[in-house]
PDB file of N, CA and C in Angstrom:
ATOM      1  N   MET A   1     -10.924 286.882 276.766  1.00  0.00           N
ATOM      2  CA  MET A   1      -9.795 287.495 276.089  1.00  0.00           C
ATOM      3  C   MET A   1      -8.536 286.741 276.499  1.00  0.00           C
ATOM      4  N   ASP A   2      -7.707 286.360 275.537  1.00  0.00           N
ATOM      5  CA  ASP A   2      -6.517 285.615 275.894  1.00  0.00           C
ATOM      6  C   ASP A   2      -5.382 286.550 276.316  1.00  0.00           C
ATOM      7  N   VAL A   3      -4.343 285.962 276.882  1.00  0.00           N
ATOM      8  CA  VAL A   3      -3.224 286.734 277.422  1.00  0.00           C
ATOM      9  C   VAL A   3      -2.518 287.524 276.327  1.00  0.00           C
ATOM     10  N   TYR A   4      -2.350 286.929 275.167  1.00  0.00           N
ATOM     11  CA  TYR A   4      -1.663 287.588 274.058  1.00  0.00           C
ATOM     12  C   TYR A   4      -2.384 288.879 273.667  1.00  0.00           C
ATOM     13  N   ARG A   5      -3.697 288.795 273.446  1.00  0.00           N
ATOM     14  CA  ARG A   5      -4.481 289.974 273.066  1.00  0.00           C
ATOM     15  C   ARG A   5      -4.467 290.991 274.199  1.00  0.00           C
ATOM     16  N   SER A   6      -4.606 290.540 275.421  1.00  0.00           N
ATOM     17  CA  SER A   6      -4.599 291.434 276.572  1.00  0.00           C
ATOM     18  C   SER A   6      -3.278 292.190 276.664  1.00  0.00           C
ATOM     19  N   CYS A   7      -2.168 291.495 276.435  1.00  0.00           N
ATOM     20  CA  CYS A   7      -0.850 292.136 276.478  1.00  0.00           C
ATOM     21  C   CYS A   7      -0.727 293.183 275.380  1.00  0.00           C
ATOM     22  N   LEU A   8      -1.168 292.849 274.175  1.00  0.00           N
ATOM     23  CA  LEU A   8      -1.123 293.818 273.080  1.00  0.00           C
ATOM     24  C   LEU A   8      -1.948 295.053 273.398  1.00  0.00           C
ATOM     25  N   ASP A   9      -3.139 294.849 273.938  1.00  0.00           N
ATOM     26  CA  ASP A   9      -4.012 295.986 274.253  1.00  0.00           C
ATOM     27  C   ASP A   9      -3.406 296.886 275.317  1.00  0.00           C
ATOM     28  N   ARG A  10      -2.743 296.326 276.301  1.00  0.00           N
ATOM     29  CA  ARG A  10      -2.126 297.138 277.353  1.00  0.00           C
ATOM     30  C   ARG A  10      -0.917 297.893 276.833  1.00  0.00           C
ATOM     31  N   VAL A  11      -0.121 297.250 275.963  1.00  0.00           N
ATOM     32  CA  VAL A  11       1.084 297.905 275.449  1.00  0.00           C
ATOM     33  C   VAL A  11       0.712 299.018 274.490  1.00  0.00           C
ATOM     34  N   HIS A  12      -0.163 298.726 273.580  1.00  0.00           N
ATOM     35  CA  HIS A  12      -0.562 299.733 272.607  1.00  0.00           C
ATOM     36  C   HIS A  12      -1.916 299.350 272.028  1.00  0.00           C
ATOM     37  N   PRO A  13      -3.000 299.987 272.481  1.00  0.00           N
ATOM     38  CA  PRO A  13      -4.345 299.589 272.059  1.00  0.00           C
ATOM     39  C   PRO A  13      -4.598 299.690 270.560  1.00  0.00           C
ATOM     40  N   SER A  14      -3.796 300.455 269.834  1.00  0.00           N
ATOM     41  CA  SER A  14      -4.053 300.603 268.403  1.00  0.00           C
ATOM     42  C   SER A  14      -3.489 299.449 267.580  1.00  0.00           C
ATOM     43  N   ILE A  15      -2.665 298.597 268.189  1.00  0.00           N
ATOM     44  CA  ILE A  15      -2.098 297.463 267.454  1.00  0.00           C
ATOM     45  C   ILE A  15      -3.183 296.411 267.286  1.00  0.00           C
ATOM     46  N   ARG A  16      -3.382 296.016 266.067  1.00  0.00           N
ATOM     47  CA  ARG A  16      -4.367 294.966 265.791  1.00  0.00           C
ATOM     48  C   ARG A  16      -3.688 293.875 264.979  1.00  0.00           C
ATOM     49  N   VAL A  17      -3.506 292.751 265.598  1.00  0.00           N
ATOM     50  CA  VAL A  17      -2.919 291.597 264.933  1.00  0.00           C
ATOM     51  C   VAL A  17      -4.023 290.571 264.774  1.00  0.00           C
ATOM     52  N   PRO A  18      -4.272 290.111 263.547  1.00  0.00           N
ATOM     53  CA  PRO A  18      -5.331 289.114 263.389  1.00  0.00           C
ATOM     54  C   PRO A  18      -4.964 287.824 264.113  1.00  0.00           C
ATOM     55  N   LEU A  19      -5.827 287.373 264.973  1.00  0.00           N
ATOM     56  CA  LEU A  19      -5.615 286.117 265.680  1.00  0.00           C
ATOM     57  C   LEU A  19      -6.505 285.066 265.028  1.00  0.00           C
ATOM     58  N   THR A  20      -5.881 284.125 264.396  1.00  0.00           N
ATOM     59  CA  THR A  20      -6.648 283.148 263.632  1.00  0.00           C
ATOM     60  C   THR A  20      -7.067 281.982 264.506  1.00  0.00           C
ATOM     61  N   GLU A  21      -8.208 281.482 264.250  1.00  0.00           N
ATOM     62  CA  GLU A  21      -8.709 280.259 264.857  1.00  0.00           C
ATOM     63  C   GLU A  21      -9.079 279.334 263.704  1.00  0.00           C
ATOM     64  N   LYS A  22      -8.082 278.959 262.912  1.00  0.00           N
ATOM     65  CA  LYS A  22      -8.334 278.146 261.725  1.00  0.00           C
ATOM     66  C   LYS A  22      -8.619 276.703 262.102  1.00  0.00           C
ATOM     67  N   PRO A  23      -9.629 276.118 261.507  1.00  0.00           N
ATOM     68  CA  PRO A  23      -9.886 274.704 261.753  1.00  0.00           C
ATOM     69  C   PRO A  23      -8.861 273.848 261.011  1.00  0.00           C
ATOM     70  N   MET A  24      -8.769 272.579 261.376  1.00  0.00           N
ATOM     71  CA  MET A  24      -7.907 271.674 260.636  1.00  0.00           C
ATOM     72  C   MET A  24      -8.391 271.681 259.188  1.00  0.00           C
ATOM     73  N   PRO A  25      -7.458 271.625 258.229  1.00  0.00           N
ATOM     74  CA  PRO A  25      -7.847 271.725 256.821  1.00  0.00           C
ATOM     75  C   PRO A  25      -8.644 270.542 256.287  1.00  0.00           C
ATOM     76  N   ILE A  26      -8.681 269.435 257.008  1.00  0.00           N
ATOM     77  CA  ILE A  26      -9.529 268.325 256.585  1.00  0.00           C
ATOM     78  C   ILE A  26     -10.335 267.868 257.790  1.00  0.00           C
ATOM     79  N   ALA A  27     -11.389 267.152 257.511  1.00  0.00           N
ATOM     80  CA  ALA A  27     -12.222 266.620 258.590  1.00  0.00           C
ATOM     81  C   ALA A  27     -11.678 265.260 259.003  1.00  0.00           C
ATOM     82  N   PHE A  28     -11.259 265.162 260.244  1.00  0.00           N
ATOM     83  CA  PHE A  28     -10.831 263.870 260.774  1.00  0.00           C
ATOM     84  C   PHE A  28     -12.069 263.186 261.341  1.00  0.00           C
ATOM     85  N   ASP A  29     -12.751 262.461 260.469  1.00  0.00           N
ATOM     86  CA  ASP A  29     -13.950 261.770 260.913  1.00  0.00           C
ATOM     87  C   ASP A  29     -13.656 260.276 261.070  1.00  0.00           C
ATOM     88  N   ARG A  30     -14.631 259.568 261.545  1.00  0.00           N
ATOM     89  CA  ARG A  30     -14.448 258.136 261.811  1.00  0.00           C
ATOM     90  C   ARG A  30     -14.067 257.370 260.540  1.00  0.00           C
ATOM     91  N   ASP A  31     -14.663 257.729 259.410  1.00  0.00           N
ATOM     92  CA  ASP A  31     -14.351 257.052 258.153  1.00  0.00           C
ATOM     93  C   ASP A  31     -12.868 257.185 257.802  1.00  0.00           C
ATOM     94  N   LEU A  32     -12.318 258.396 257.930  1.00  0.00           N
ATOM     95  CA  LEU A  32     -10.897 258.583 257.619  1.00  0.00           C
ATOM     96  C   LEU A  32     -10.028 257.785 258.581  1.00  0.00           C
ATOM     97  N   PHE A  33     -10.327 257.839 259.877  1.00  0.00           N
ATOM     98  CA  PHE A  33      -9.547 257.055 260.842  1.00  0.00           C
ATOM     99  C   PHE A  33      -9.640 255.562 260.545  1.00  0.00           C
ATOM    100  N   ASP A  34     -10.825 255.081 260.190  1.00  0.00           N
ATOM    101  CA  ASP A  34     -10.975 253.663 259.848  1.00  0.00           C
ATOM    102  C   ASP A  34     -10.123 253.291 258.641  1.00  0.00           C
ATOM    103  N   ARG A  35     -10.110 254.156 257.625  1.00  0.00           N
ATOM    104  CA  ARG A  35      -9.294 253.876 256.433  1.00  0.00           C
ATOM    105  C   ARG A  35      -7.802 253.910 256.764  1.00  0.00           C
ATOM    106  N   LEU A  36      -7.383 254.848 257.612  1.00  0.00           N
ATOM    107  CA  LEU A  36      -5.970 254.933 258.004  1.00  0.00           C
ATOM    108  C   LEU A  36      -5.557 253.691 258.798  1.00  0.00           C
ATOM    109  N   LEU A  37      -6.389 253.275 259.742  1.00  0.00           N
ATOM    110  CA  LEU A  37      -6.072 252.079 260.525  1.00  0.00           C
ATOM    111  C   LEU A  37      -6.045 250.834 259.646  1.00  0.00           C
ATOM    112  N   ALA A  38      -6.974 250.728 258.693  1.00  0.00           N
ATOM    113  CA  ALA A  38      -6.985 249.579 257.781  1.00  0.00           C
ATOM    114  C   ALA A  38      -5.703 249.536 256.954  1.00  0.00           C
ATOM    115  N   ALA A  39      -5.255 250.690 256.457  1.00  0.00           N
ATOM    116  CA  ALA A  39      -4.012 250.748 255.677  1.00  0.00           C
ATOM    117  C   ALA A  39      -2.809 250.404 256.553  1.00  0.00           C
ATOM    118  N   ALA A  40      -2.818 250.878 257.805  1.00  0.00           N
ATOM    119  CA  ALA A  40      -1.704 250.611 258.712  1.00  0.00           C
ATOM    120  C   ALA A  40      -1.609 249.130 259.077  1.00  0.00           C
ATOM    121  N   LEU A  41      -2.734 248.445 259.147  1.00  0.00           N
ATOM    122  CA  LEU A  41      -2.755 247.037 259.551  1.00  0.00           C
ATOM    123  C   LEU A  41      -2.780 246.078 258.362  1.00  0.00           C
ATOM    124  N   ALA A  42      -2.754 246.596 257.150  1.00  0.00           N
ATOM    125  CA  ALA A  42      -2.924 245.785 255.941  1.00  0.00           C
ATOM    126  C   ALA A  42      -1.827 244.746 255.730  1.00  0.00           C
ATOM    127  N   ARG A  43      -0.656 244.932 256.310  1.00  0.00           N
ATOM    128  CA  ARG A  43       0.444 243.972 256.119  1.00  0.00           C
ATOM    129  C   ARG A  43       0.642 243.064 257.321  1.00  0.00           C
ATOM    130  N   GLY A  44      -0.419 242.902 258.094  1.00  0.00           N
ATOM    131  CA  GLY A  44      -0.360 241.949 259.196  1.00  0.00           C
ATOM    132  C   GLY A  44      -0.022 242.547 260.551  1.00  0.00           C
ATOM    133  N   GLY A  45      -0.112 243.856 260.693  1.00  0.00           N
ATOM    134  CA  GLY A  45       0.176 244.484 261.977  1.00  0.00           C
ATOM    135  C   GLY A  45      -0.782 244.027 263.056  1.00  0.00           C
ATOM    136  N   ASP A  46      -0.283 243.995 264.298  1.00  0.00           N
ATOM    137  CA  ASP A  46      -1.103 243.590 265.440  1.00  0.00           C
ATOM    138  C   ASP A  46      -1.838 244.769 266.062  1.00  0.00           C
ATOM    139  N   TYR A  47      -1.278 245.941 265.925  1.00  0.00           N
ATOM    140  CA  TYR A  47      -1.815 247.131 266.584  1.00  0.00           C
ATOM    141  C   TYR A  47      -1.352 248.359 265.815  1.00  0.00           C
ATOM    142  N   ALA A  48      -2.195 249.381 265.777  1.00  0.00           N
ATOM    143  CA  ALA A  48      -1.791 250.649 265.152  1.00  0.00           C
ATOM    144  C   ALA A  48      -2.437 251.791 265.917  1.00  0.00           C
ATOM    145  N   ASP A  49      -1.742 252.902 265.984  1.00  0.00           N
ATOM    146  CA  ASP A  49      -2.359 254.094 266.544  1.00  0.00           C
ATOM    147  C   ASP A  49      -2.012 255.302 265.684  1.00  0.00           C
ATOM    148  N   ILE A  50      -2.843 256.308 265.822  1.00  0.00           N
ATOM    149  CA  ILE A  50      -2.721 257.531 265.024  1.00  0.00           C
ATOM    150  C   ILE A  50      -2.637 258.698 265.990  1.00  0.00           C
ATOM    151  N   TYR A  51      -1.644 259.543 265.770  1.00  0.00           N
ATOM    152  CA  TYR A  51      -1.457 260.724 266.615  1.00  0.00           C
ATOM    153  C   TYR A  51      -1.627 261.957 265.736  1.00  0.00           C
ATOM    154  N   VAL A  52      -2.595 262.795 266.065  1.00  0.00           N
ATOM    155  CA  VAL A  52      -2.834 264.038 265.329  1.00  0.00           C
ATOM    156  C   VAL A  52      -2.374 265.184 266.224  1.00  0.00           C
ATOM    157  N   GLN A  53      -1.521 266.035 265.677  1.00  0.00           N
ATOM    158  CA  GLN A  53      -0.950 267.132 266.463  1.00  0.00           C
ATOM    159  C   GLN A  53      -1.193 268.448 265.750  1.00  0.00           C
ATOM    160  N   ARG A  54      -1.575 269.437 266.522  1.00  0.00           N
ATOM    161  CA  ARG A  54      -1.696 270.797 266.003  1.00  0.00           C
ATOM    162  C   ARG A  54      -1.348 271.742 267.144  1.00  0.00           C
ATOM    163  N   SER A  55      -0.400 272.614 266.910  1.00  0.00           N
ATOM    164  CA  SER A  55      -0.035 273.569 267.953  1.00  0.00           C
ATOM    165  C   SER A  55       0.070 274.957 267.360  1.00  0.00           C
ATOM    166  N   ARG A  56      -0.197 275.916 268.210  1.00  0.00           N
ATOM    167  CA  ARG A  56      -0.135 277.311 267.793  1.00  0.00           C
ATOM    168  C   ARG A  56       0.837 278.033 268.713  1.00  0.00           C
ATOM    169  N   SER A  57       1.632 278.897 268.126  1.00  0.00           N
ATOM    170  CA  SER A  57       2.599 279.677 268.889  1.00  0.00           C
ATOM    171  C   SER A  57       2.402 281.151 268.573  1.00  0.00           C
ATOM    172  N   ARG A  58       2.441 281.955 269.605  1.00  0.00           N
ATOM    173  CA  ARG A  58       2.338 283.399 269.429  1.00  0.00           C
ATOM    174  C   ARG A  58       3.550 284.050 270.075  1.00  0.00           C
ATOM    175  N   SER A  59       4.028 285.119 269.469  1.00  0.00           N
ATOM    176  CA  SER A  59       5.227 285.766 269.974  1.00  0.00           C
ATOM    177  C   SER A  59       5.119 287.285 269.837  1.00  0.00           C
ATOM    178  N   LEU A  60       5.559 287.982 270.857  1.00  0.00           N
ATOM    179  CA  LEU A  60       5.663 289.444 270.817  1.00  0.00           C
ATOM    180  C   LEU A  60       7.126 289.809 270.995  1.00  0.00           C
ATOM    181  N   ARG A  61       7.637 290.734 270.182  1.00  0.00           N
ATOM    182  CA  ARG A  61       9.010 291.209 270.330  1.00  0.00           C
ATOM    183  C   ARG A  61       8.953 292.701 270.622  1.00  0.00           C
ATOM    184  N   PHE A  62       9.608 293.080 271.717  1.00  0.00           N
ATOM    185  CA  PHE A  62       9.616 294.474 272.150  1.00  0.00           C
ATOM    186  C   PHE A  62      11.002 295.079 271.971  1.00  0.00           C
ATOM    187  N   GLU A  63      11.052 296.350 271.675  1.00  0.00           N
ATOM    188  CA  GLU A  63      12.281 297.148 271.689  1.00  0.00           C
ATOM    189  C   GLU A  63      11.955 298.470 272.329  1.00  0.00           C
ATOM    190  N   GLU A  64      12.708 298.818 273.354  1.00  0.00           N
ATOM    191  CA  GLU A  64      12.522 300.078 274.069  1.00  0.00           C
ATOM    192  C   GLU A  64      11.068 300.289 274.488  1.00  0.00           C
ATOM    193  N   GLY A  65      10.464 299.236 274.999  1.00  0.00           N
ATOM    194  CA  GLY A  65       9.102 299.335 275.508  1.00  0.00           C
ATOM    195  C   GLY A  65       8.012 299.371 274.455  1.00  0.00           C
ATOM    196  N   LYS A  66       8.372 299.212 273.186  1.00  0.00           N
ATOM    197  CA  LYS A  66       7.379 299.230 272.110  1.00  0.00           C
ATOM    198  C   LYS A  66       7.359 297.878 271.403  1.00  0.00           C
ATOM    199  N   VAL A  67       6.175 297.502 270.992  1.00  0.00           N
ATOM    200  CA  VAL A  67       6.045 296.259 270.236  1.00  0.00           C
ATOM    201  C   VAL A  67       6.654 296.464 268.857  1.00  0.00           C
ATOM    202  N   LYS A  68       7.631 295.621 268.536  1.00  0.00           N
ATOM    203  CA  LYS A  68       8.262 295.693 267.212  1.00  0.00           C
ATOM    204  C   LYS A  68       7.677 294.661 266.257  1.00  0.00           C
ATOM    205  N   SER A  69       7.237 293.549 266.804  1.00  0.00           N
ATOM    206  CA  SER A  69       6.609 292.546 265.939  1.00  0.00           C
ATOM    207  C   SER A  69       5.720 291.641 266.768  1.00  0.00           C
ATOM    208  N   ALA A  70       4.731 291.117 266.113  1.00  0.00           N
ATOM    209  CA  ALA A  70       3.825 290.135 266.700  1.00  0.00           C
ATOM    210  C   ALA A  70       3.619 289.058 265.647  1.00  0.00           C
ATOM    211  N   THR A  71       3.864 287.823 266.026  1.00  0.00           N
ATOM    212  CA  THR A  71       3.733 286.734 265.060  1.00  0.00           C
ATOM    213  C   THR A  71       2.905 285.603 265.643  1.00  0.00           C
ATOM    214  N   GLU A  72       2.372 284.815 264.751  1.00  0.00           N
ATOM    215  CA  GLU A  72       1.625 283.626 265.122  1.00  0.00           C
ATOM    216  C   GLU A  72       1.965 282.547 264.113  1.00  0.00           C
ATOM    217  N   SER A  73       2.180 281.323 264.591  1.00  0.00           N
ATOM    218  CA  SER A  73       2.446 280.214 263.674  1.00  0.00           C
ATOM    219  C   SER A  73       1.672 278.983 264.129  1.00  0.00           C
ATOM    220  N   ILE A  74       1.409 278.121 263.167  1.00  0.00           N
ATOM    221  CA  ILE A  74       0.697 276.874 263.436  1.00  0.00           C
ATOM    222  C   ILE A  74       1.518 275.733 262.855  1.00  0.00           C
ATOM    223  N   ALA A  75       1.726 274.700 263.676  1.00  0.00           N
ATOM    224  CA  ALA A  75       2.397 273.479 263.222  1.00  0.00           C
ATOM    225  C   ALA A  75       1.402 272.342 263.362  1.00  0.00           C
ATOM    226  N   GLN A  76       1.374 271.471 262.372  1.00  0.00           N
ATOM    227  CA  GLN A  76       0.433 270.367 262.422  1.00  0.00           C
ATOM    228  C   GLN A  76       0.985 269.167 261.688  1.00  0.00           C
ATOM    229  N   GLY A  77       0.504 268.014 262.061  1.00  0.00           N
ATOM    230  CA  GLY A  77       0.927 266.797 261.402  1.00  0.00           C
ATOM    231  C   GLY A  77       0.258 265.581 262.010  1.00  0.00           C
ATOM    232  N   VAL A  78       0.531 264.435 261.400  1.00  0.00           N
ATOM    233  CA  VAL A  78      -0.043 263.170 261.841  1.00  0.00           C
ATOM    234  C   VAL A  78       1.078 262.142 261.880  1.00  0.00           C
ATOM    235  N   GLY A  79       1.107 261.364 262.955  1.00  0.00           N
ATOM    236  CA  GLY A  79       2.043 260.254 263.072  1.00  0.00           C
ATOM    237  C   GLY A  79       1.254 258.959 263.166  1.00  0.00           C
ATOM    238  N   ILE A  80       1.749 257.918 262.516  1.00  0.00           N
ATOM    239  CA  ILE A  80       1.076 256.621 262.524  1.00  0.00           C
ATOM    240  C   ILE A  80       2.093 255.566 262.936  1.00  0.00           C
ATOM    241  N   ARG A  81       1.741 254.801 263.966  1.00  0.00           N
ATOM    242  CA  ARG A  81       2.630 253.760 264.490  1.00  0.00           C
ATOM    243  C   ARG A  81       1.959 252.403 264.329  1.00  0.00           C
ATOM    244  N   VAL A  82       2.743 251.440 263.866  1.00  0.00           N
ATOM    245  CA  VAL A  82       2.240 250.073 263.684  1.00  0.00           C
ATOM    246  C   VAL A  82       3.154 249.119 264.442  1.00  0.00           C
ATOM    247  N   GLN A  83       2.557 248.230 265.242  1.00  0.00           N
ATOM    248  CA  GLN A  83       3.283 247.172 265.947  1.00  0.00           C
ATOM    249  C   GLN A  83       2.980 245.860 265.254  1.00  0.00           C
ATOM    250  N   GLN A  84       4.023 245.115 264.950  1.00  0.00           N
ATOM    251  CA  GLN A  84       3.853 243.785 264.369  1.00  0.00           C
ATOM    252  C   GLN A  84       4.857 242.882 265.067  1.00  0.00           C
ATOM    253  N   GLY A  85       4.351 242.063 265.978  1.00  0.00           N
ATOM    254  CA  GLY A  85       5.263 241.264 266.805  1.00  0.00           C
ATOM    255  C   GLY A  85       6.116 242.217 267.635  1.00  0.00           C
ATOM    256  N   GLU A  86       7.429 242.042 267.561  1.00  0.00           N
ATOM    257  CA  GLU A  86       8.361 242.903 268.294  1.00  0.00           C
ATOM    258  C   GLU A  86       8.763 244.145 267.494  1.00  0.00           C
ATOM    259  N   ALA A  87       8.349 244.211 266.246  1.00  0.00           N
ATOM    260  CA  ALA A  87       8.755 245.318 265.366  1.00  0.00           C
ATOM    261  C   ALA A  87       7.769 246.480 265.441  1.00  0.00           C
ATOM    262  N   THR A  88       8.314 247.675 265.274  1.00  0.00           N
ATOM    263  CA  THR A  88       7.501 248.888 265.249  1.00  0.00           C
ATOM    264  C   THR A  88       7.823 249.667 263.982  1.00  0.00           C
ATOM    265  N   GLY A  89       6.798 250.087 263.296  1.00  0.00           N
ATOM    266  CA  GLY A  89       6.958 250.966 262.140  1.00  0.00           C
ATOM    267  C   GLY A  89       6.287 252.292 262.438  1.00  0.00           C
ATOM    268  N   TYR A  90       6.947 253.368 262.074  1.00  0.00           N
ATOM    269  CA  TYR A  90       6.390 254.698 262.336  1.00  0.00           C
ATOM    270  C   TYR A  90       6.594 255.565 261.099  1.00  0.00           C
ATOM    271  N   ALA A  91       5.568 256.306 260.745  1.00  0.00           N
ATOM    272  CA  ALA A  91       5.676 257.274 259.650  1.00  0.00           C
ATOM    273  C   ALA A  91       4.890 258.515 260.055  1.00  0.00           C
ATOM    274  N   ALA A  92       5.376 259.657 259.627  1.00  0.00           N
ATOM    275  CA  ALA A  92       4.716 260.919 259.945  1.00  0.00           C
ATOM    276  C   ALA A  92       4.494 261.698 258.659  1.00  0.00           C
ATOM    277  N   CYS A  93       3.526 262.581 258.708  1.00  0.00           N
ATOM    278  CA  CYS A  93       3.165 263.351 257.523  1.00  0.00           C
ATOM    279  C   CYS A  93       2.654 264.716 257.971  1.00  0.00           C
ATOM    280  N   ASP A  94       3.144 265.776 257.346  1.00  0.00           N
ATOM    281  CA  ASP A  94       2.616 267.108 257.668  1.00  0.00           C
ATOM    282  C   ASP A  94       1.640 267.597 256.598  1.00  0.00           C
ATOM    283  N   ASP A  95       1.489 266.825 255.541  1.00  0.00           N
ATOM    284  CA  ASP A  95       0.496 267.110 254.511  1.00  0.00           C
ATOM    285  C   ASP A  95      -0.780 266.379 254.917  1.00  0.00           C
ATOM    286  N   LEU A  96      -1.836 267.099 255.209  1.00  0.00           N
ATOM    287  CA  LEU A  96      -3.043 266.484 255.757  1.00  0.00           C
ATOM    288  C   LEU A  96      -4.046 266.038 254.702  1.00  0.00           C
ATOM    289  N   ASP A  97      -3.607 265.935 253.467  1.00  0.00           N
ATOM    290  CA  ASP A  97      -4.442 265.389 252.403  1.00  0.00           C
ATOM    291  C   ASP A  97      -4.669 263.900 252.679  1.00  0.00           C
ATOM    292  N   PRO A  98      -5.905 263.410 252.572  1.00  0.00           N
ATOM    293  CA  PRO A  98      -6.155 261.992 252.865  1.00  0.00           C
ATOM    294  C   PRO A  98      -5.255 261.028 252.102  1.00  0.00           C
ATOM    295  N   ALA A  99      -4.945 261.305 250.848  1.00  0.00           N
ATOM    296  CA  ALA A  99      -4.063 260.411 250.076  1.00  0.00           C
ATOM    297  C   ALA A  99      -2.668 260.351 250.692  1.00  0.00           C
ATOM    298  N   SER A 100      -2.145 261.484 251.140  1.00  0.00           N
ATOM    299  CA  SER A 100      -0.830 261.516 251.780  1.00  0.00           C
ATOM    300  C   SER A 100      -0.853 260.780 253.119  1.00  0.00           C
ATOM    301  N   LEU A 101      -1.943 260.937 253.854  1.00  0.00           N
ATOM    302  CA  LEU A 101      -2.064 260.248 255.135  1.00  0.00           C
ATOM    303  C   LEU A 101      -2.138 258.734 254.932  1.00  0.00           C
ATOM    304  N   LEU A 102      -2.873 258.303 253.900  1.00  0.00           N
ATOM    305  CA  LEU A 102      -2.940 256.874 253.600  1.00  0.00           C
ATOM    306  C   LEU A 102      -1.577 256.327 253.184  1.00  0.00           C
ATOM    307  N   ALA A 103      -0.812 257.126 252.433  1.00  0.00           N
ATOM    308  CA  ALA A 103       0.540 256.708 252.045  1.00  0.00           C
ATOM    309  C   ALA A 103       1.427 256.564 253.283  1.00  0.00           C
ATOM    310  N   ALA A 104       1.307 257.479 254.235  1.00  0.00           N
ATOM    311  CA  ALA A 104       2.081 257.385 255.475  1.00  0.00           C
ATOM    312  C   ALA A 104       1.697 256.133 256.260  1.00  0.00           C
ATOM    313  N   ALA A 105       0.411 255.821 256.313  1.00  0.00           N
ATOM    314  CA  ALA A 105      -0.034 254.603 257.000  1.00  0.00           C
ATOM    315  C   ALA A 105       0.562 253.368 256.327  1.00  0.00           C
ATOM    316  N   GLY A 106       0.604 253.385 255.006  1.00  0.00           N
ATOM    317  CA  GLY A 106       1.213 252.281 254.267  1.00  0.00           C
ATOM    318  C   GLY A 106       2.700 252.156 254.546  1.00  0.00           C
ATOM    319  N   ARG A 107       3.402 253.296 254.650  1.00  0.00           N
ATOM    320  CA  ARG A 107       4.843 253.278 254.967  1.00  0.00           C
ATOM    321  C   ARG A 107       5.083 252.681 256.356  1.00  0.00           C
ATOM    322  N   ALA A 108       4.259 253.075 257.326  1.00  0.00           N
ATOM    323  CA  ALA A 108       4.401 252.530 258.677  1.00  0.00           C
ATOM    324  C   ALA A 108       4.181 251.020 258.665  1.00  0.00           C
ATOM    325  N   ALA A 109       3.212 250.552 257.885  1.00  0.00           N
ATOM    326  CA  ALA A 109       2.932 249.118 257.784  1.00  0.00           C
ATOM    327  C   ALA A 109       4.112 248.371 257.163  1.00  0.00           C
ATOM    328  N   VAL A 110       4.698 248.926 256.111  1.00  0.00           N
ATOM    329  CA  VAL A 110       5.845 248.290 255.450  1.00  0.00           C
ATOM    330  C   VAL A 110       7.032 248.215 256.400  1.00  0.00           C
ATOM    331  N   ILE A 111       7.278 249.278 257.135  1.00  0.00           N
ATOM    332  CA  ILE A 111       8.408 249.298 258.080  1.00  0.00           C
ATOM    333  C   ILE A 111       8.216 248.236 259.154  1.00  0.00           C
ATOM    334  N   ALA A 112       7.012 248.160 259.728  1.00  0.00           N
ATOM    335  CA  ALA A 112       6.745 247.153 260.762  1.00  0.00           C
ATOM    336  C   ALA A 112       6.875 245.740 260.191  1.00  0.00           C
ATOM    337  N   ALA A 113       6.351 245.520 258.993  1.00  0.00           N
ATOM    338  CA  ALA A 113       6.390 244.192 258.374  1.00  0.00           C
ATOM    339  C   ALA A 113       7.813 243.756 258.038  1.00  0.00           C
ATOM    340  N   SER A 114       8.707 244.720 257.810  1.00  0.00           N
ATOM    341  CA  SER A 114      10.083 244.379 257.446  1.00  0.00           C
ATOM    342  C   SER A 114      11.008 244.322 258.657  1.00  0.00           C
ATOM    343  N   GLY A 115      10.456 244.375 259.834  1.00  0.00           N
ATOM    344  CA  GLY A 115      11.293 244.269 261.027  1.00  0.00           C
ATOM    345  C   GLY A 115      11.350 245.538 261.840  1.00  0.00           C
ATOM    346  N   GLY A 116      10.899 246.627 261.282  1.00  0.00           N
ATOM    347  CA  GLY A 116      10.780 247.879 262.030  1.00  0.00           C
ATOM    348  C   GLY A 116      12.040 248.684 262.177  1.00  0.00           C
ATOM    349  N   SER A 117      11.840 249.876 262.671  1.00  0.00           N
ATOM    350  CA  SER A 117      12.897 250.801 263.098  1.00  0.00           C
ATOM    351  C   SER A 117      13.944 251.135 262.040  1.00  0.00           C
ATOM    352  N   ARG A 118      13.562 251.301 260.816  1.00  0.00           N
ATOM    353  CA  ARG A 118      14.512 251.766 259.820  1.00  0.00           C
ATOM    354  C   ARG A 118      14.064 253.154 259.351  1.00  0.00           C
ATOM    355  N   ALA A 119      15.027 253.967 258.996  1.00  0.00           N
ATOM    356  CA  ALA A 119      14.713 255.318 258.533  1.00  0.00           C
ATOM    357  C   ALA A 119      14.123 255.248 257.134  1.00  0.00           C
ATOM    358  N   THR A 120      13.128 256.065 256.897  1.00  0.00           N
ATOM    359  CA  THR A 120      12.531 256.129 255.562  1.00  0.00           C
ATOM    360  C   THR A 120      12.424 257.579 255.132  1.00  0.00           C
ATOM    361  N   PRO A 121      12.912 257.909 253.938  1.00  0.00           N
ATOM    362  CA  PRO A 121      12.812 259.306 253.503  1.00  0.00           C
ATOM    363  C   PRO A 121      11.373 259.676 253.186  1.00  0.00           C
ATOM    364  N   THR A 122      11.076 260.918 253.382  1.00  0.00           N
ATOM    365  CA  THR A 122       9.747 261.419 253.060  1.00  0.00           C
ATOM    366  C   THR A 122       9.896 262.800 252.467  1.00  0.00           C
ATOM    367  N   SER A 123       9.002 263.170 251.616  1.00  0.00           N
ATOM    368  CA  SER A 123       9.074 264.496 251.039  1.00  0.00           C
ATOM    369  C   SER A 123       8.182 265.439 251.836  1.00  0.00           C
ATOM    370  N   LEU A 124       8.630 266.653 251.980  1.00  0.00           N
ATOM    371  CA  LEU A 124       7.859 267.664 252.675  1.00  0.00           C
ATOM    372  C   LEU A 124       7.438 268.700 251.656  1.00  0.00           C
ATOM    373  N   LYS A 125       6.167 269.002 251.634  1.00  0.00           N
ATOM    374  CA  LYS A 125       5.692 270.039 250.720  1.00  0.00           C
ATOM    375  C   LYS A 125       5.943 271.392 251.337  1.00  0.00           C
ATOM    376  N   PRO A 126       6.278 272.379 250.509  1.00  0.00           N
ATOM    377  CA  PRO A 126       6.514 273.719 251.073  1.00  0.00           C
ATOM    378  C   PRO A 126       5.250 274.327 251.636  1.00  0.00           C
TER     379      PRO A 126
END
């Protein structure tokens, strides 16, 4: 039993907040990583790495000794870094669709190939 559930049970056993253990929405398998690395290195990069991040946050808000709210949120995304000579290109994506991830890898490759370290706009899906 985790601390969050234990705290809820001690404060008020009748409170039931669904605690999700959702898997990543796509499978990060070797094939996908190979395709992402190939796209990242396609413009002559010397090195590329992929950072996959997923974090979960839980919060309890109390008023006068009573639980007023319980929330849970999940943040996730992927960052791709490409080194080409002295230049570094980096692109991040919070849309975990393989096509979006491949586009981010391509953006990182273009940034590195053009000398690196320039800001690039990206769209965020709601």
